[in-house]
Amino acid sequence: MLAAASTAAHLLWNHADVLGILESHPAVAAWFAGHDHAGGYALRNGIHHVTFPGMVESGDRNSYTAVTAYKDRLELKGSGTAPSRILQLR
């Protein structure tokens, strides 16, 4: 959704409109998208933008991410070429 977390070719055509809607709601903590071959991450106005890497980049291994939500954070446990992250919530 956010250009800093992806490449222009992988953004929604109306990404600016959707971004405005997301940022107008204080309960939004994260936006997950797929796929940009390299993957990506950015934080903007308290919203984590995560783009998962394309599975084609993982070769013969499985690649996925499991997300566990806690009161103060989101824990992303990556497998294969997907990175793990801890995203602190506002």
PDB file of N, CA and C in Angstrom:
ATOM      1  N   MET A   1       0.812  -1.188   0.000  1.00  0.00           N
ATOM      2  CA  MET A   1       0.000   0.000   0.000  1.00  0.00           C
ATOM      3  C   MET A   1       0.860   1.258   0.000  1.00  0.00           C
ATOM      4  N   LEU A   2       1.940   1.224   0.718  1.00  0.00           N
ATOM      5  CA  LEU A   2       2.806   2.393   0.837  1.00  0.00           C
ATOM      6  C   LEU A   2       4.019   2.219  -0.074  1.00  0.00           C
ATOM      7  N   ALA A   3       4.323   3.234  -0.862  1.00  0.00           N
ATOM      8  CA  ALA A   3       5.426   3.142  -1.822  1.00  0.00           C
ATOM      9  C   ALA A   3       6.747   2.785  -1.150  1.00  0.00           C
ATOM     10  N   ALA A   4       6.956   3.244   0.075  1.00  0.00           N
ATOM     11  CA  ALA A   4       8.204   2.945   0.787  1.00  0.00           C
ATOM     12  C   ALA A   4       8.329   1.475   1.165  1.00  0.00           C
ATOM     13  N   ALA A   5       7.227   0.715   1.115  1.00  0.00           N
ATOM     14  CA  ALA A   5       7.243  -0.703   1.483  1.00  0.00           C
ATOM     15  C   ALA A   5       7.105  -1.613   0.264  1.00  0.00           C
ATOM     16  N   SER A   6       7.215  -1.052  -0.921  1.00  0.00           N
ATOM     17  CA  SER A   6       7.010  -1.838  -2.130  1.00  0.00           C
ATOM     18  C   SER A   6       7.699  -1.143  -3.296  1.00  0.00           C
ATOM     19  N   THR A   7       7.294  -1.501  -4.481  1.00  0.00           N
ATOM     20  CA  THR A   7       7.724  -0.783  -5.669  1.00  0.00           C
ATOM     21  C   THR A   7       6.470  -0.240  -6.358  1.00  0.00           C
ATOM     22  N   ALA A   8       6.638   0.749  -7.179  1.00  0.00           N
ATOM     23  CA  ALA A   8       5.488   1.387  -7.844  1.00  0.00           C
ATOM     24  C   ALA A   8       4.634   0.383  -8.617  1.00  0.00           C
ATOM     25  N   ALA A   9       5.255  -0.608  -9.208  1.00  0.00           N
ATOM     26  CA  ALA A   9       4.519  -1.593 -10.005  1.00  0.00           C
ATOM     27  C   ALA A   9       3.597  -2.468  -9.167  1.00  0.00           C
ATOM     28  N   HIS A  10       3.826  -2.532  -7.866  1.00  0.00           N
ATOM     29  CA  HIS A  10       3.040  -3.405  -7.002  1.00  0.00           C
ATOM     30  C   HIS A  10       2.029  -2.654  -6.138  1.00  0.00           C
ATOM     31  N   LEU A  11       1.891  -1.359  -6.319  1.00  0.00           N
ATOM     32  CA  LEU A  11       0.925  -0.573  -5.549  1.00  0.00           C
ATOM     33  C   LEU A  11      -0.470  -0.698  -6.146  1.00  0.00           C
ATOM     34  N   LEU A  12      -1.476  -0.585  -5.297  1.00  0.00           N
ATOM     35  CA  LEU A  12      -2.850  -0.501  -5.799  1.00  0.00           C
ATOM     36  C   LEU A  12      -2.975   0.739  -6.668  1.00  0.00           C
ATOM     37  N   TRP A  13      -3.817   0.677  -7.672  1.00  0.00           N
ATOM     38  CA  TRP A  13      -4.009   1.856  -8.530  1.00  0.00           C
ATOM     39  C   TRP A  13      -4.531   3.042  -7.733  1.00  0.00           C
ATOM     40  N   ASN A  14      -5.347   2.786  -6.724  1.00  0.00           N
ATOM     41  CA  ASN A  14      -5.906   3.862  -5.897  1.00  0.00           C
ATOM     42  C   ASN A  14      -5.278   3.866  -4.505  1.00  0.00           C
ATOM     43  N   HIS A  15      -3.972   3.568  -4.447  1.00  0.00           N
ATOM     44  CA  HIS A  15      -3.307   3.442  -3.156  1.00  0.00           C
ATOM     45  C   HIS A  15      -3.369   4.712  -2.313  1.00  0.00           C
ATOM     46  N   ALA A  16      -3.343   5.860  -2.910  1.00  0.00           N
ATOM     47  CA  ALA A  16      -3.417   7.109  -2.137  1.00  0.00           C
ATOM     48  C   ALA A  16      -4.775   7.233  -1.443  1.00  0.00           C
ATOM     49  N   ASP A  17      -5.850   6.845  -2.124  1.00  0.00           N
ATOM     50  CA  ASP A  17      -7.183   6.890  -1.524  1.00  0.00           C
ATOM     51  C   ASP A  17      -7.300   5.905  -0.369  1.00  0.00           C
ATOM     52  N   VAL A  18      -6.817   4.685  -0.580  1.00  0.00           N
ATOM     53  CA  VAL A  18      -6.897   3.660   0.465  1.00  0.00           C
ATOM     54  C   VAL A  18      -6.027   4.049   1.654  1.00  0.00           C
ATOM     55  N   LEU A  19      -4.859   4.592   1.403  1.00  0.00           N
ATOM     56  CA  LEU A  19      -3.981   5.047   2.473  1.00  0.00           C
ATOM     57  C   LEU A  19      -4.670   6.118   3.312  1.00  0.00           C
ATOM     58  N   GLY A  20      -5.364   7.039   2.675  1.00  0.00           N
ATOM     59  CA  GLY A  20      -6.103   8.073   3.396  1.00  0.00           C
ATOM     60  C   GLY A  20      -7.172   7.480   4.302  1.00  0.00           C
ATOM     61  N   ILE A  21      -7.860   6.453   3.823  1.00  0.00           N
ATOM     62  CA  ILE A  21      -8.890   5.791   4.637  1.00  0.00           C
ATOM     63  C   ILE A  21      -8.242   5.094   5.826  1.00  0.00           C
ATOM     64  N   LEU A  22      -7.159   4.350   5.593  1.00  0.00           N
ATOM     65  CA  LEU A  22      -6.476   3.660   6.688  1.00  0.00           C
ATOM     66  C   LEU A  22      -6.012   4.636   7.760  1.00  0.00           C
ATOM     67  N   GLU A  23      -5.424   5.743   7.338  1.00  0.00           N
ATOM     68  CA  GLU A  23      -4.874   6.706   8.291  1.00  0.00           C
ATOM     69  C   GLU A  23      -5.951   7.512   9.006  1.00  0.00           C
ATOM     70  N   SER A  24      -7.184   7.466   8.516  1.00  0.00           N
ATOM     71  CA  SER A  24      -8.269   8.203   9.185  1.00  0.00           C
ATOM     72  C   SER A  24      -8.880   7.402  10.332  1.00  0.00           C
ATOM     73  N   HIS A  25      -8.468   6.156  10.496  1.00  0.00           N
ATOM     74  CA  HIS A  25      -9.005   5.296  11.554  1.00  0.00           C
ATOM     75  C   HIS A  25      -7.907   4.955  12.553  1.00  0.00           C
ATOM     76  N   PRO A  26      -8.009   5.414  13.796  1.00  0.00           N
ATOM     77  CA  PRO A  26      -6.941   5.195  14.780  1.00  0.00           C
ATOM     78  C   PRO A  26      -6.757   3.729  15.184  1.00  0.00           C
ATOM     79  N   ALA A  27      -7.699   2.855  14.876  1.00  0.00           N
ATOM     80  CA  ALA A  27      -7.581   1.444  15.263  1.00  0.00           C
ATOM     81  C   ALA A  27      -6.728   0.638  14.293  1.00  0.00           C
ATOM     82  N   VAL A  28      -6.374   1.193  13.142  1.00  0.00           N
ATOM     83  CA  VAL A  28      -5.580   0.451  12.161  1.00  0.00           C
ATOM     84  C   VAL A  28      -4.136   0.377  12.653  1.00  0.00           C
ATOM     85  N   ALA A  29      -3.635  -0.847  12.776  1.00  0.00           N
ATOM     86  CA  ALA A  29      -2.273  -1.059  13.272  1.00  0.00           C
ATOM     87  C   ALA A  29      -1.314  -1.454  12.163  1.00  0.00           C
ATOM     88  N   ALA A  30      -1.826  -2.187  11.155  1.00  0.00           N
ATOM     89  CA  ALA A  30      -0.930  -2.706  10.121  1.00  0.00           C
ATOM     90  C   ALA A  30      -1.699  -2.971   8.838  1.00  0.00           C
ATOM     91  N   TRP A  31      -0.950  -2.947   7.759  1.00  0.00           N
ATOM     92  CA  TRP A  31      -1.468  -3.305   6.434  1.00  0.00           C
ATOM     93  C   TRP A  31      -0.512  -4.351   5.887  1.00  0.00           C
ATOM     94  N   PHE A  32      -1.048  -5.521   5.544  1.00  0.00           N
ATOM     95  CA  PHE A  32      -0.239  -6.593   4.969  1.00  0.00           C
ATOM     96  C   PHE A  32      -0.592  -6.739   3.501  1.00  0.00           C
ATOM     97  N   ALA A  33       0.428  -6.812   2.674  1.00  0.00           N
ATOM     98  CA  ALA A  33       0.214  -6.937   1.237  1.00  0.00           C
ATOM     99  C   ALA A  33       1.193  -7.961   0.660  1.00  0.00           C
ATOM    100  N   GLY A  34       0.896  -8.446  -0.484  1.00  0.00           N
ATOM    101  CA  GLY A  34       1.778  -9.338  -1.204  1.00  0.00           C
ATOM    102  C   GLY A  34       1.425  -9.235  -2.677  1.00  0.00           C
ATOM    103  N   HIS A  35       2.270  -9.404  -3.526  1.00  0.00           N
ATOM    104  CA  HIS A  35       3.667  -9.650  -3.229  1.00  0.00           C
ATOM    105  C   HIS A  35       4.536  -8.723  -4.076  1.00  0.00           C
ATOM    106  N   ASP A  36       5.598  -8.303  -3.532  1.00  0.00           N
ATOM    107  CA  ASP A  36       6.674  -7.654  -4.260  1.00  0.00           C
ATOM    108  C   ASP A  36       7.832  -8.637  -4.124  1.00  0.00           C
ATOM    109  N   HIS A  37       8.513  -8.958  -5.175  1.00  0.00           N
ATOM    110  CA  HIS A  37       9.517 -10.022  -5.117  1.00  0.00           C
ATOM    111  C   HIS A  37      10.513  -9.836  -3.977  1.00  0.00           C
ATOM    112  N   ALA A  38      10.904  -8.615  -3.704  1.00  0.00           N
ATOM    113  CA  ALA A  38      11.871  -8.366  -2.636  1.00  0.00           C
ATOM    114  C   ALA A  38      11.212  -8.221  -1.272  1.00  0.00           C
ATOM    115  N   GLY A  39       9.916  -7.979  -1.229  1.00  0.00           N
ATOM    116  CA  GLY A  39       9.255  -7.684   0.041  1.00  0.00           C
ATOM    117  C   GLY A  39       9.600  -6.280   0.483  1.00  0.00           C
ATOM    118  N   GLY A  40       9.038  -5.856   1.598  1.00  0.00           N
ATOM    119  CA  GLY A  40       9.351  -4.521   2.086  1.00  0.00           C
ATOM    120  C   GLY A  40       8.644  -4.202   3.375  1.00  0.00           C
ATOM    121  N   TYR A  41       9.084  -3.114   3.998  1.00  0.00           N
ATOM    122  CA  TYR A  41       8.493  -2.660   5.259  1.00  0.00           C
ATOM    123  C   TYR A  41       8.671  -1.155   5.379  1.00  0.00           C
ATOM    124  N   ALA A  42       7.653  -0.500   5.940  1.00  0.00           N
ATOM    125  CA  ALA A  42       7.751   0.919   6.276  1.00  0.00           C
ATOM    126  C   ALA A  42       6.733   1.201   7.379  1.00  0.00           C
ATOM    127  N   LEU A  43       7.017   2.227   8.172  1.00  0.00           N
ATOM    128  CA  LEU A  43       6.113   2.689   9.214  1.00  0.00           C
ATOM    129  C   LEU A  43       5.726   4.125   8.883  1.00  0.00           C
ATOM    130  N   ARG A  44       4.410   4.379   8.853  1.00  0.00           N
ATOM    131  CA  ARG A  44       3.945   5.735   8.561  1.00  0.00           C
ATOM    132  C   ARG A  44       2.737   6.032   9.435  1.00  0.00           C
ATOM    133  N   ASN A  45       2.811   7.124  10.173  1.00  0.00           N
ATOM    134  CA  ASN A  45       1.717   7.573  11.039  1.00  0.00           C
ATOM    135  C   ASN A  45       1.201   6.460  11.942  1.00  0.00           C
ATOM    136  N   GLY A  46       2.114   5.667  12.482  1.00  0.00           N
ATOM    137  CA  GLY A  46       1.761   4.610  13.418  1.00  0.00           C
ATOM    138  C   GLY A  46       1.234   3.337  12.784  1.00  0.00           C
ATOM    139  N   ILE A  47       1.174   3.254  11.462  1.00  0.00           N
ATOM    140  CA  ILE A  47       0.687   2.069  10.768  1.00  0.00           C
ATOM    141  C   ILE A  47       1.878   1.357  10.115  1.00  0.00           C
ATOM    142  N   HIS A  48       2.025   0.076  10.439  1.00  0.00           N
ATOM    143  CA  HIS A  48       3.067  -0.753   9.852  1.00  0.00           C
ATOM    144  C   HIS A  48       2.587  -1.246   8.486  1.00  0.00           C
ATOM    145  N   HIS A  49       3.411  -1.071   7.479  1.00  0.00           N
ATOM    146  CA  HIS A  49       3.104  -1.538   6.126  1.00  0.00           C
ATOM    147  C   HIS A  49       4.100  -2.643   5.790  1.00  0.00           C
ATOM    148  N   VAL A  50       3.596  -3.861   5.653  1.00  0.00           N
ATOM    149  CA  VAL A  50       4.446  -5.016   5.379  1.00  0.00           C
ATOM    150  C   VAL A  50       4.055  -5.601   4.026  1.00  0.00           C
ATOM    151  N   THR A  51       5.029  -5.730   3.151  1.00  0.00           N
ATOM    152  CA  THR A  51       4.824  -6.415   1.876  1.00  0.00           C
ATOM    153  C   THR A  51       5.605  -7.708   1.933  1.00  0.00           C
ATOM    154  N   PHE A  52       4.895  -8.820   1.796  1.00  0.00           N
ATOM    155  CA  PHE A  52       5.539 -10.124   1.869  1.00  0.00           C
ATOM    156  C   PHE A  52       6.293 -10.413   0.574  1.00  0.00           C
ATOM    157  N   PRO A  53       7.467 -11.057   0.692  1.00  0.00           N
ATOM    158  CA  PRO A  53       8.222 -11.376  -0.522  1.00  0.00           C
ATOM    159  C   PRO A  53       7.514 -12.445  -1.343  1.00  0.00           C
ATOM    160  N   GLY A  54       7.705 -12.395  -2.647  1.00  0.00           N
ATOM    161  CA  GLY A  54       7.107 -13.387  -3.532  1.00  0.00           C
ATOM    162  C   GLY A  54       7.674 -14.777  -3.267  1.00  0.00           C
ATOM    163  N   MET A  55       6.808 -15.774  -3.308  1.00  0.00           N
ATOM    164  CA  MET A  55       7.237 -17.149  -3.060  1.00  0.00           C
ATOM    165  C   MET A  55       8.196 -17.650  -4.133  1.00  0.00           C
ATOM    166  N   VAL A  56       8.118 -17.071  -5.322  1.00  0.00           N
ATOM    167  CA  VAL A  56       8.996 -17.514  -6.407  1.00  0.00           C
ATOM    168  C   VAL A  56      10.467 -17.302  -6.046  1.00  0.00           C
ATOM    169  N   GLU A  57      10.733 -16.372  -5.147  1.00  0.00           N
ATOM    170  CA  GLU A  57      12.106 -16.084  -4.728  1.00  0.00           C
ATOM    171  C   GLU A  57      12.651 -17.119  -3.749  1.00  0.00           C
ATOM    172  N   SER A  58      11.792 -17.993  -3.224  1.00  0.00           N
ATOM    173  CA  SER A  58      12.218 -18.929  -2.184  1.00  0.00           C
ATOM    174  C   SER A  58      12.830 -20.211  -2.730  1.00  0.00           C
ATOM    175  N   GLY A  59      12.900 -20.342  -4.042  1.00  0.00           N
ATOM    176  CA  GLY A  59      13.497 -21.541  -4.635  1.00  0.00           C
ATOM    177  C   GLY A  59      12.662 -22.773  -4.329  1.00  0.00           C
ATOM    178  N   ASP A  60      13.310 -23.809  -3.825  1.00  0.00           N
ATOM    179  CA  ASP A  60      12.586 -25.045  -3.532  1.00  0.00           C
ATOM    180  C   ASP A  60      12.116 -25.132  -2.079  1.00  0.00           C
ATOM    181  N   ARG A  61      12.217 -24.042  -1.332  1.00  0.00           N
ATOM    182  CA  ARG A  61      11.777 -24.011   0.067  1.00  0.00           C
ATOM    183  C   ARG A  61      10.399 -23.369   0.161  1.00  0.00           C
ATOM    184  N   ASN A  62       9.639 -23.738   1.186  1.00  0.00           N
ATOM    185  CA  ASN A  62       8.401 -23.029   1.484  1.00  0.00           C
ATOM    186  C   ASN A  62       8.748 -21.663   2.060  1.00  0.00           C
ATOM    187  N   SER A  63       7.909 -20.700   1.822  1.00  0.00           N
ATOM    188  CA  SER A  63       8.110 -19.366   2.368  1.00  0.00           C
ATOM    189  C   SER A  63       6.759 -18.822   2.782  1.00  0.00           C
ATOM    190  N   TYR A  64       6.638 -18.466   4.058  1.00  0.00           N
ATOM    191  CA  TYR A  64       5.384 -17.921   4.567  1.00  0.00           C
ATOM    192  C   TYR A  64       5.661 -17.167   5.857  1.00  0.00           C
ATOM    193  N   THR A  65       4.647 -16.466   6.344  1.00  0.00           N
ATOM    194  CA  THR A  65       4.749 -15.720   7.592  1.00  0.00           C
ATOM    195  C   THR A  65       3.524 -16.003   8.436  1.00  0.00           C
ATOM    196  N   ALA A  66       3.749 -16.299   9.705  1.00  0.00           N
ATOM    197  CA  ALA A  66       2.664 -16.455  10.668  1.00  0.00           C
ATOM    198  C   ALA A  66       2.658 -15.215  11.553  1.00  0.00           C
ATOM    199  N   VAL A  67       1.475 -14.629  11.757  1.00  0.00           N
ATOM    200  CA  VAL A  67       1.350 -13.414  12.559  1.00  0.00           C
ATOM    201  C   VAL A  67       0.608 -13.743  13.851  1.00  0.00           C
ATOM    202  N   THR A  68       1.190 -13.356  14.980  1.00  0.00           N
ATOM    203  CA  THR A  68       0.547 -13.512  16.282  1.00  0.00           C
ATOM    204  C   THR A  68       0.331 -12.107  16.851  1.00  0.00           C
ATOM    205  N   ALA A  69      -0.901 -11.828  17.247  1.00  0.00           N
ATOM    206  CA  ALA A  69      -1.247 -10.504  17.764  1.00  0.00           C
ATOM    207  C   ALA A  69      -1.260 -10.508  19.285  1.00  0.00           C
ATOM    208  N   TYR A  70      -0.629  -9.503  19.852  1.00  0.00           N
ATOM    209  CA  TYR A  70      -0.616  -9.262  21.287  1.00  0.00           C
ATOM    210  C   TYR A  70      -1.133  -7.853  21.524  1.00  0.00           C
ATOM    211  N   LYS A  71      -1.391  -7.520  22.774  1.00  0.00           N
ATOM    212  CA  LYS A  71      -1.932  -6.201  23.111  1.00  0.00           C
ATOM    213  C   LYS A  71      -0.989  -5.072  22.672  1.00  0.00           C
ATOM    214  N   ASP A  72       0.319  -5.298  22.790  1.00  0.00           N
ATOM    215  CA  ASP A  72       1.297  -4.242  22.526  1.00  0.00           C
ATOM    216  C   ASP A  72       2.140  -4.433  21.270  1.00  0.00           C
ATOM    217  N   ARG A  73       1.943  -5.569  20.580  1.00  0.00           N
ATOM    218  CA  ARG A  73       2.809  -5.841  19.424  1.00  0.00           C
ATOM    219  C   ARG A  73       2.200  -6.901  18.512  1.00  0.00           C
ATOM    220  N   LEU A  74       2.729  -6.951  17.294  1.00  0.00           N
ATOM    221  CA  LEU A  74       2.459  -8.029  16.356  1.00  0.00           C
ATOM    222  C   LEU A  74       3.788  -8.737  16.121  1.00  0.00           C
ATOM    223  N   GLU A  75       3.790 -10.053  16.262  1.00  0.00           N
ATOM    224  CA  GLU A  75       5.004 -10.812  16.010  1.00  0.00           C
ATOM    225  C   GLU A  75       4.826 -11.574  14.698  1.00  0.00           C
ATOM    226  N   LEU A  76       5.718 -11.313  13.767  1.00  0.00           N
ATOM    227  CA  LEU A  76       5.706 -11.979  12.469  1.00  0.00           C
ATOM    228  C   LEU A  76       6.841 -12.973  12.453  1.00  0.00           C
ATOM    229  N   LYS A  77       6.513 -14.242  12.353  1.00  0.00           N
ATOM    230  CA  LYS A  77       7.528 -15.295  12.314  1.00  0.00           C
ATOM    231  C   LYS A  77       7.639 -15.786  10.877  1.00  0.00           C
ATOM    232  N   GLY A  78       8.730 -15.418  10.246  1.00  0.00           N
ATOM    233  CA  GLY A  78       8.952 -15.787   8.864  1.00  0.00           C
ATOM    234  C   GLY A  78       9.575 -17.162   8.736  1.00  0.00           C
ATOM    235  N   SER A  79       9.255 -17.829   7.650  1.00  0.00           N
ATOM    236  CA  SER A  79       9.838 -19.124   7.321  1.00  0.00           C
ATOM    237  C   SER A  79      10.364 -19.048   5.897  1.00  0.00           C
ATOM    238  N   GLY A  80      11.433 -19.771   5.624  1.00  0.00           N
ATOM    239  CA  GLY A  80      12.035 -19.698   4.295  1.00  0.00           C
ATOM    240  C   GLY A  80      12.681 -18.337   4.090  1.00  0.00           C
ATOM    241  N   THR A  81      12.348 -17.663   3.016  1.00  0.00           N
ATOM    242  CA  THR A  81      12.945 -16.352   2.721  1.00  0.00           C
ATOM    243  C   THR A  81      12.188 -15.196   3.368  1.00  0.00           C
ATOM    244  N   ALA A  82      11.072 -15.476   4.037  1.00  0.00           N
ATOM    245  CA  ALA A  82      10.286 -14.412   4.679  1.00  0.00           C
ATOM    246  C   ALA A  82      10.946 -14.007   5.999  1.00  0.00           C
ATOM    247  N   PRO A  83      11.172 -12.708   6.205  1.00  0.00           N
ATOM    248  CA  PRO A  83      11.827 -12.264   7.443  1.00  0.00           C
ATOM    249  C   PRO A  83      10.865 -12.279   8.629  1.00  0.00           C
ATOM    250  N   SER A  84      11.430 -12.427   9.817  1.00  0.00           N
ATOM    251  CA  SER A  84      10.666 -12.277  11.056  1.00  0.00           C
ATOM    252  C   SER A  84      10.776 -10.835  11.514  1.00  0.00           C
ATOM    253  N   ARG A  85       9.720 -10.352  12.180  1.00  0.00           N
ATOM    254  CA  ARG A  85       9.704  -8.968  12.664  1.00  0.00           C
ATOM    255  C   ARG A  85       8.870  -8.896  13.928  1.00  0.00           C
ATOM    256  N   ILE A  86       9.161  -7.913  14.760  1.00  0.00           N
ATOM    257  CA  ILE A  86       8.291  -7.568  15.888  1.00  0.00           C
ATOM    258  C   ILE A  86       7.856  -6.130  15.651  1.00  0.00           C
ATOM    259  N   LEU A  87       6.546  -5.924  15.537  1.00  0.00           N
ATOM    260  CA  LEU A  87       5.994  -4.602  15.252  1.00  0.00           C
ATOM    261  C   LEU A  87       5.307  -4.080  16.515  1.00  0.00           C
ATOM    262  N   GLN A  88       5.886  -3.048  17.104  1.00  0.00           N
ATOM    263  CA  GLN A  88       5.302  -2.452  18.302  1.00  0.00           C
ATOM    264  C   GLN A  88       4.066  -1.650  17.934  1.00  0.00           C
ATOM    265  N   LEU A  89       3.020  -1.778  18.733  1.00  0.00           N
ATOM    266  CA  LEU A  89       1.786  -1.056  18.476  1.00  0.00           C
ATOM    267  C   LEU A  89       1.738   0.245  19.256  1.00  0.00           C
ATOM    268  N   ARG A  90       1.051   1.217  18.714  1.00  0.00           N
ATOM    269  CA  ARG A  90       0.938   2.521  19.374  1.00  0.00           C
ATOM    270  C   ARG A  90      -0.064   2.480  20.497  1.00  0.00           C
TER     271      ARG A  90
END
